């Protein structure tokens, strides 16, 4: 079945006298995309790794997120349990089957950990971020069974594990990173960039937390 898009492109090809399958023309387009000039990127995030971590922490505080720094990933379960306990939250947690979370010592805590996507009845969730953006204090989440997107939006409290080595300076660095990791045509279906807890000021310009997602965002930054 022909669509309006097909009709328009067919008309353009006829006017140019081409079919669209010419390898030389395709190579020219690919080369132009590869050599496309970069946009203007502020210098404030063009810094070394320790400075990126410091800026990330500063920006997390600025968006009312909380954080804890850990020496190794093995400390994640205990840190998650401590966060829930400190906020008087039940010791329940839902996560995806990300290998980075799967092998952690959850059994050494009193946490009741469930695996899989959320159906909206989970109070607490934990995910592993693909990256962090220091410039804005943003965590970048990739959709999939490893870290279901439902965990980003449905539970009231979201704990995110972020490796310090995955912190980049600015948003522009995220897309080449993803293309390099997943390859052409294999990009994740959804990339969620999350900056702080969900909030809205639509009602009388009063900030309401948890309007469209979690009321709390807690980031566990693994430095080791």
C-alpha atoms as a PDB file:
ATOM      1  CA  UNK A   1       0.000   0.000   0.000  1.00  0.00           C
ATOM      2  CA  UNK A   2       1.465   3.328  -1.055  1.00  0.00           C
ATOM      3  CA  UNK A   3       1.612   6.131   1.493  1.00  0.00           C
ATOM      4  CA  UNK A   4       1.811   9.874   1.015  1.00  0.00           C
ATOM      5  CA  UNK A   5       5.488   9.647   1.961  1.00  0.00           C
ATOM      6  CA  UNK A   6       6.144   7.060  -0.763  1.00  0.00           C
ATOM      7  CA  UNK A   7       4.325   9.195  -3.315  1.00  0.00           C
ATOM      8  CA  UNK A   8       6.348  12.295  -2.448  1.00  0.00           C
ATOM      9  CA  UNK A   9       9.683  10.472  -2.589  1.00  0.00           C
ATOM     10  CA  UNK A  10       8.760   8.774  -5.863  1.00  0.00           C
ATOM     11  CA  UNK A  11       7.962  12.158  -7.377  1.00  0.00           C
ATOM     12  CA  UNK A  12      11.301  13.579  -6.206  1.00  0.00           C
ATOM     13  CA  UNK A  13      13.214  10.603  -7.656  1.00  0.00           C
ATOM     14  CA  UNK A  14      11.467  10.926 -11.010  1.00  0.00           C
ATOM     15  CA  UNK A  15      12.330  14.631 -11.200  1.00  0.00           C
ATOM     16  CA  UNK A  16      15.987  13.840 -10.421  1.00  0.00           C
ATOM     17  CA  UNK A  17      16.116  10.862 -12.759  1.00  0.00           C
ATOM     18  CA  UNK A  18      17.256   8.425 -10.057  1.00  0.00           C
ATOM     19  CA  UNK A  19      15.886   5.282  -8.400  1.00  0.00           C
ATOM     20  CA  UNK A  20      17.260   5.756  -4.882  1.00  0.00           C
ATOM     21  CA  UNK A  21      19.392   2.600  -5.058  1.00  0.00           C
ATOM     22  CA  UNK A  22      22.537   4.193  -6.464  1.00  0.00           C
ATOM     23  CA  UNK A  23      25.489   3.231  -4.250  1.00  0.00           C
ATOM     24  CA  UNK A  24      27.481   6.375  -5.062  1.00  0.00           C
ATOM     25  CA  UNK A  25      24.611   8.636  -3.959  1.00  0.00           C
ATOM     26  CA  UNK A  26      24.186   6.627  -0.754  1.00  0.00           C
ATOM     27  CA  UNK A  27      27.924   6.894  -0.031  1.00  0.00           C
ATOM     28  CA  UNK A  28      27.805  10.664  -0.485  1.00  0.00           C
ATOM     29  CA  UNK A  29      24.951  10.942   2.028  1.00  0.00           C
ATOM     30  CA  UNK A  30      26.716   8.689   4.549  1.00  0.00           C
ATOM     31  CA  UNK A  31      29.910  10.717   4.216  1.00  0.00           C
ATOM     32  CA  UNK A  32      28.064  13.992   4.765  1.00  0.00           C
ATOM     33  CA  UNK A  33      26.400  12.591   7.900  1.00  0.00           C
ATOM     34  CA  UNK A  34      29.759  11.410   9.247  1.00  0.00           C
ATOM     35  CA  UNK A  35      31.355  14.807   8.660  1.00  0.00           C
ATOM     36  CA  UNK A  36      28.412  16.873   9.878  1.00  0.00           C
ATOM     37  CA  UNK A  37      29.644  19.846  11.918  1.00  0.00           C
ATOM     38  CA  UNK A  38      28.995  19.714  15.632  1.00  0.00           C
ATOM     39  CA  UNK A  39      26.712  22.227  17.287  1.00  0.00           C
ATOM     40  CA  UNK A  40      27.844  24.729  19.875  1.00  0.00           C
ATOM     41  CA  UNK A  41      28.600  23.001  23.190  1.00  0.00           C
ATOM     42  CA  UNK A  42      29.159  25.115  26.361  1.00  0.00           C
ATOM     43  CA  UNK A  43      32.643  24.825  27.853  1.00  0.00           C
ATOM     44  CA  UNK A  44      31.358  24.411  31.420  1.00  0.00           C
ATOM     45  CA  UNK A  45      31.057  20.636  30.972  1.00  0.00           C
ATOM     46  CA  UNK A  46      34.311  20.129  29.037  1.00  0.00           C
ATOM     47  CA  UNK A  47      36.156  19.024  32.175  1.00  0.00           C
ATOM     48  CA  UNK A  48      38.042  16.031  33.542  1.00  0.00           C
ATOM     49  CA  UNK A  49      36.455  13.035  35.290  1.00  0.00           C
ATOM     50  CA  UNK A  50      36.715  14.267  38.930  1.00  0.00           C
ATOM     51  CA  UNK A  51      35.222  17.611  37.919  1.00  0.00           C
ATOM     52  CA  UNK A  52      32.385  15.855  36.070  1.00  0.00           C
ATOM     53  CA  UNK A  53      31.552  13.869  39.187  1.00  0.00           C
ATOM     54  CA  UNK A  54      31.591  17.013  41.341  1.00  0.00           C
ATOM     55  CA  UNK A  55      29.370  18.847  38.850  1.00  0.00           C
ATOM     56  CA  UNK A  56      26.981  15.883  38.675  1.00  0.00           C
ATOM     57  CA  UNK A  57      26.565  15.902  42.453  1.00  0.00           C
ATOM     58  CA  UNK A  58      26.031  19.658  42.501  1.00  0.00           C
ATOM     59  CA  UNK A  59      23.341  19.457  39.829  1.00  0.00           C
ATOM     60  CA  UNK A  60      21.618  16.503  41.527  1.00  0.00           C
ATOM     61  CA  UNK A  61      21.257  18.591  44.661  1.00  0.00           C
ATOM     62  CA  UNK A  62      19.925  21.457  42.547  1.00  0.00           C
ATOM     63  CA  UNK A  63      17.022  19.328  41.244  1.00  0.00           C
ATOM     64  CA  UNK A  64      16.180  17.989  44.736  1.00  0.00           C
ATOM     65  CA  UNK A  65      17.533  14.523  44.055  1.00  0.00           C
ATOM     66  CA  UNK A  66      19.566  12.745  46.719  1.00  0.00           C
ATOM     67  CA  UNK A  67      22.670  10.638  46.252  1.00  0.00           C
ATOM     68  CA  UNK A  68      25.244   8.426  47.938  1.00  0.00           C
ATOM     69  CA  UNK A  69      28.754   7.614  46.768  1.00  0.00           C
ATOM     70  CA  UNK A  70      29.822   3.962  46.937  1.00  0.00           C
ATOM     71  CA  UNK A  71      33.269   2.434  46.597  1.00  0.00           C
ATOM     72  CA  UNK A  72      32.043  -0.655  44.744  1.00  0.00           C
ATOM     73  CA  UNK A  73      28.885  -2.114  43.207  1.00  0.00           C
ATOM     74  CA  UNK A  74      28.718  -4.741  45.961  1.00  0.00           C
ATOM     75  CA  UNK A  75      27.603  -1.958  48.328  1.00  0.00           C
ATOM     76  CA  UNK A  76      24.458  -1.224  46.278  1.00  0.00           C
ATOM     77  CA  UNK A  77      22.022  -3.584  48.096  1.00  0.00           C
ATOM     78  CA  UNK A  78      23.008  -2.308  51.549  1.00  0.00           C
ATOM     79  CA  UNK A  79      22.863   1.312  50.367  1.00  0.00           C
ATOM     80  CA  UNK A  80      19.403   0.771  48.863  1.00  0.00           C
ATOM     81  CA  UNK A  81      18.187  -0.860  52.085  1.00  0.00           C
ATOM     82  CA  UNK A  82      19.604   2.015  54.141  1.00  0.00           C
ATOM     83  CA  UNK A  83      17.867   4.597  51.944  1.00  0.00           C
ATOM     84  CA  UNK A  84      14.482   2.881  52.308  1.00  0.00           C
ATOM     85  CA  UNK A  85      14.952   2.514  56.049  1.00  0.00           C
ATOM     86  CA  UNK A  86      15.996   6.160  56.483  1.00  0.00           C
ATOM     87  CA  UNK A  87      12.869   7.320  54.659  1.00  0.00           C
ATOM     88  CA  UNK A  88      10.568   4.973  56.592  1.00  0.00           C
ATOM     89  CA  UNK A  89       9.731   3.036  53.424  1.00  0.00           C
ATOM     90  CA  UNK A  90       8.920  -0.687  53.242  1.00  0.00           C
ATOM     91  CA  UNK A  91      11.810  -3.036  52.475  1.00  0.00           C
ATOM     92  CA  UNK A  92      10.477  -3.941  49.051  1.00  0.00           C
ATOM     93  CA  UNK A  93      12.179  -3.297  45.739  1.00  0.00           C
ATOM     94  CA  UNK A  94      11.535  -4.088  42.088  1.00  0.00           C
ATOM     95  CA  UNK A  95      14.276  -4.246  39.482  1.00  0.00           C
ATOM     96  CA  UNK A  96      14.894  -5.489  35.964  1.00  0.00           C
ATOM     97  CA  UNK A  97      17.282  -8.305  35.066  1.00  0.00           C
ATOM     98  CA  UNK A  98      20.257  -6.085  34.290  1.00  0.00           C
ATOM     99  CA  UNK A  99      23.392  -8.250  34.774  1.00  0.00           C
ATOM    100  CA  UNK A 100      25.000  -5.372  36.658  1.00  0.00           C
ATOM    101  CA  UNK A 101      22.277  -5.681  39.305  1.00  0.00           C
ATOM    102  CA  UNK A 102      21.651  -9.407  39.033  1.00  0.00           C
ATOM    103  CA  UNK A 103      24.922 -10.515  40.609  1.00  0.00           C
ATOM    104  CA  UNK A 104      24.824  -8.210  43.629  1.00  0.00           C
ATOM    105  CA  UNK A 105      24.479  -9.567  47.209  1.00  0.00           C
ATOM    106  CA  UNK A 106      20.785  -8.858  47.701  1.00  0.00           C
ATOM    107  CA  UNK A 107      20.439 -11.856  50.032  1.00  0.00           C
ATOM    108  CA  UNK A 108      22.645 -10.104  52.574  1.00  0.00           C
ATOM    109  CA  UNK A 109      19.856  -7.578  53.172  1.00  0.00           C
ATOM    110  CA  UNK A 110      16.293  -7.886  54.425  1.00  0.00           C
ATOM    111  CA  UNK A 111      14.967  -6.525  51.119  1.00  0.00           C
ATOM    112  CA  UNK A 112      12.153  -8.330  49.335  1.00  0.00           C
ATOM    113  CA  UNK A 113      13.366  -7.965  45.737  1.00  0.00           C
ATOM    114  CA  UNK A 114      11.091  -8.703  42.763  1.00  0.00           C
ATOM    115  CA  UNK A 115      12.305  -8.862  39.157  1.00  0.00           C
ATOM    116  CA  UNK A 116      10.433  -7.614  36.097  1.00  0.00           C
ATOM    117  CA  UNK A 117       8.395  -4.671  34.919  1.00  0.00           C
ATOM    118  CA  UNK A 118       6.080  -2.806  37.265  1.00  0.00           C
ATOM    119  CA  UNK A 119       2.292  -3.084  37.034  1.00  0.00           C
ATOM    120  CA  UNK A 120       1.823   0.125  39.010  1.00  0.00           C
ATOM    121  CA  UNK A 121       1.618  -1.453  42.459  1.00  0.00           C
ATOM    122  CA  UNK A 122       5.307  -1.164  43.377  1.00  0.00           C
ATOM    123  CA  UNK A 123       6.281   1.546  45.838  1.00  0.00           C
ATOM    124  CA  UNK A 124      10.044   1.292  45.283  1.00  0.00           C
ATOM    125  CA  UNK A 125      12.201   0.469  42.264  1.00  0.00           C
ATOM    126  CA  UNK A 126      15.888   0.317  41.377  1.00  0.00           C
ATOM    127  CA  UNK A 127      17.421   0.659  37.911  1.00  0.00           C
ATOM    128  CA  UNK A 128      20.893   0.953  36.418  1.00  0.00           C
ATOM    129  CA  UNK A 129      21.563   4.079  34.374  1.00  0.00           C
ATOM    130  CA  UNK A 130      23.277   3.939  31.008  1.00  0.00           C
ATOM    131  CA  UNK A 131      24.986   7.257  31.730  1.00  0.00           C
ATOM    132  CA  UNK A 132      24.822  10.483  33.673  1.00  0.00           C
ATOM    133  CA  UNK A 133      24.972  14.030  32.271  1.00  0.00           C
ATOM    134  CA  UNK A 134      27.014  16.259  34.580  1.00  0.00           C
ATOM    135  CA  UNK A 135      25.870  19.537  33.031  1.00  0.00           C
ATOM    136  CA  UNK A 136      22.264  19.024  34.171  1.00  0.00           C
ATOM    137  CA  UNK A 137      22.400  16.268  36.808  1.00  0.00           C
ATOM    138  CA  UNK A 138      20.504  13.950  34.476  1.00  0.00           C
ATOM    139  CA  UNK A 139      20.453  10.138  34.485  1.00  0.00           C
ATOM    140  CA  UNK A 140      20.020   8.463  31.100  1.00  0.00           C
ATOM    141  CA  UNK A 141      17.865   5.330  31.101  1.00  0.00           C
ATOM    142  CA  UNK A 142      17.659   2.773  28.288  1.00  0.00           C
ATOM    143  CA  UNK A 143      14.456   0.794  27.818  1.00  0.00           C
ATOM    144  CA  UNK A 144      14.451  -2.995  27.764  1.00  0.00           C
ATOM    145  CA  UNK A 145      13.972  -6.020  30.002  1.00  0.00           C
ATOM    146  CA  UNK A 146      17.235  -5.172  31.790  1.00  0.00           C
ATOM    147  CA  UNK A 147      15.734  -1.894  33.065  1.00  0.00           C
ATOM    148  CA  UNK A 148      12.012  -1.713  32.233  1.00  0.00           C
ATOM    149  CA  UNK A 149      10.742   1.785  31.479  1.00  0.00           C
ATOM    150  CA  UNK A 150       7.822   1.208  33.859  1.00  0.00           C
ATOM    151  CA  UNK A 151      10.290   1.424  36.747  1.00  0.00           C
ATOM    152  CA  UNK A 152      11.121   4.990  35.707  1.00  0.00           C
ATOM    153  CA  UNK A 153       7.538   6.211  36.029  1.00  0.00           C
ATOM    154  CA  UNK A 154       5.212   4.028  38.114  1.00  0.00           C
ATOM    155  CA  UNK A 155       6.824   3.525  41.570  1.00  0.00           C
ATOM    156  CA  UNK A 156       6.833   6.433  44.015  1.00  0.00           C
ATOM    157  CA  UNK A 157      10.513   6.053  44.854  1.00  0.00           C
ATOM    158  CA  UNK A 158      13.201   5.423  42.250  1.00  0.00           C
ATOM    159  CA  UNK A 159      16.755   4.420  43.114  1.00  0.00           C
ATOM    160  CA  UNK A 160      19.206   4.655  40.208  1.00  0.00           C
ATOM    161  CA  UNK A 161      22.658   3.088  40.141  1.00  0.00           C
ATOM    162  CA  UNK A 162      25.189   5.107  38.142  1.00  0.00           C
ATOM    163  CA  UNK A 163      28.831   4.226  37.504  1.00  0.00           C
ATOM    164  CA  UNK A 164      31.044   7.288  37.916  1.00  0.00           C
ATOM    165  CA  UNK A 165      32.913   6.220  34.774  1.00  0.00           C
ATOM    166  CA  UNK A 166      29.659   6.609  32.801  1.00  0.00           C
ATOM    167  CA  UNK A 167      29.256  10.305  33.625  1.00  0.00           C
ATOM    168  CA  UNK A 168      29.674  12.501  30.548  1.00  0.00           C
ATOM    169  CA  UNK A 169      29.870  16.256  30.388  1.00  0.00           C
ATOM    170  CA  UNK A 170      26.884  17.139  28.223  1.00  0.00           C
ATOM    171  CA  UNK A 171      23.860  15.750  26.390  1.00  0.00           C
ATOM    172  CA  UNK A 172      25.623  15.848  23.015  1.00  0.00           C
ATOM    173  CA  UNK A 173      28.013  13.094  24.137  1.00  0.00           C
ATOM    174  CA  UNK A 174      25.185  10.641  24.786  1.00  0.00           C
ATOM    175  CA  UNK A 175      24.120   9.922  21.204  1.00  0.00           C
ATOM    176  CA  UNK A 176      27.535   8.957  19.731  1.00  0.00           C
ATOM    177  CA  UNK A 177      28.004   6.783  22.813  1.00  0.00           C
ATOM    178  CA  UNK A 178      24.732   4.952  22.191  1.00  0.00           C
ATOM    179  CA  UNK A 179      25.389   4.568  18.467  1.00  0.00           C
ATOM    180  CA  UNK A 180      28.809   3.085  19.211  1.00  0.00           C
ATOM    181  CA  UNK A 181      27.379   0.643  21.756  1.00  0.00           C
ATOM    182  CA  UNK A 182      24.292  -0.527  19.858  1.00  0.00           C
ATOM    183  CA  UNK A 183      25.293  -0.069  16.227  1.00  0.00           C
ATOM    184  CA  UNK A 184      23.425   1.282  13.238  1.00  0.00           C
ATOM    185  CA  UNK A 185      19.737   0.388  13.240  1.00  0.00           C
ATOM    186  CA  UNK A 186      19.937  -1.152  16.719  1.00  0.00           C
ATOM    187  CA  UNK A 187      19.279   1.842  18.922  1.00  0.00           C
ATOM    188  CA  UNK A 188      17.067   1.292  22.002  1.00  0.00           C
ATOM    189  CA  UNK A 189      13.377   1.872  21.460  1.00  0.00           C
ATOM    190  CA  UNK A 190      13.267   4.461  24.242  1.00  0.00           C
ATOM    191  CA  UNK A 191      15.879   6.685  25.879  1.00  0.00           C
ATOM    192  CA  UNK A 192      14.625   8.497  28.974  1.00  0.00           C
ATOM    193  CA  UNK A 193      16.623  11.439  30.306  1.00  0.00           C
ATOM    194  CA  UNK A 194      15.537  11.971  33.909  1.00  0.00           C
ATOM    195  CA  UNK A 195      16.438  15.107  35.859  1.00  0.00           C
ATOM    196  CA  UNK A 196      15.218  14.944  39.441  1.00  0.00           C
ATOM    197  CA  UNK A 197      11.897  13.693  40.726  1.00  0.00           C
ATOM    198  CA  UNK A 198       8.719  14.129  38.712  1.00  0.00           C
ATOM    199  CA  UNK A 199       7.210  17.552  39.243  1.00  0.00           C
ATOM    200  CA  UNK A 200       4.588  19.907  37.865  1.00  0.00           C
ATOM    201  CA  UNK A 201       3.655  23.529  38.450  1.00  0.00           C
ATOM    202  CA  UNK A 202       0.496  23.488  36.336  1.00  0.00           C
ATOM    203  CA  UNK A 203      -1.883  24.028  39.261  1.00  0.00           C
ATOM    204  CA  UNK A 204      -1.627  27.655  40.450  1.00  0.00           C
ATOM    205  CA  UNK A 205       2.137  27.531  39.746  1.00  0.00           C
ATOM    206  CA  UNK A 206       2.661  25.438  42.879  1.00  0.00           C
ATOM    207  CA  UNK A 207       5.318  22.744  42.504  1.00  0.00           C
ATOM    208  CA  UNK A 208       3.852  19.284  43.037  1.00  0.00           C
ATOM    209  CA  UNK A 209       6.249  16.343  43.315  1.00  0.00           C
ATOM    210  CA  UNK A 210       5.219  12.980  41.904  1.00  0.00           C
ATOM    211  CA  UNK A 211       2.857  14.488  39.346  1.00  0.00           C
ATOM    212  CA  UNK A 212       3.846  12.188  36.481  1.00  0.00           C
ATOM    213  CA  UNK A 213       6.264   9.756  38.095  1.00  0.00           C
ATOM    214  CA  UNK A 214       8.385   9.132  41.221  1.00  0.00           C
ATOM    215  CA  UNK A 215       8.244  11.562  44.117  1.00  0.00           C
ATOM    216  CA  UNK A 216      11.862  10.766  45.028  1.00  0.00           C
ATOM    217  CA  UNK A 217      14.984  10.108  42.983  1.00  0.00           C
ATOM    218  CA  UNK A 218      18.007   8.690  44.791  1.00  0.00           C
ATOM    219  CA  UNK A 219      21.229   8.075  42.856  1.00  0.00           C
ATOM    220  CA  UNK A 220      23.832   5.552  44.014  1.00  0.00           C
ATOM    221  CA  UNK A 221      27.103   6.551  42.346  1.00  0.00           C
ATOM    222  CA  UNK A 222      29.612   3.713  42.170  1.00  0.00           C
ATOM    223  CA  UNK A 223      33.124   5.149  42.034  1.00  0.00           C
ATOM    224  CA  UNK A 224      35.031   1.843  41.893  1.00  0.00           C
END
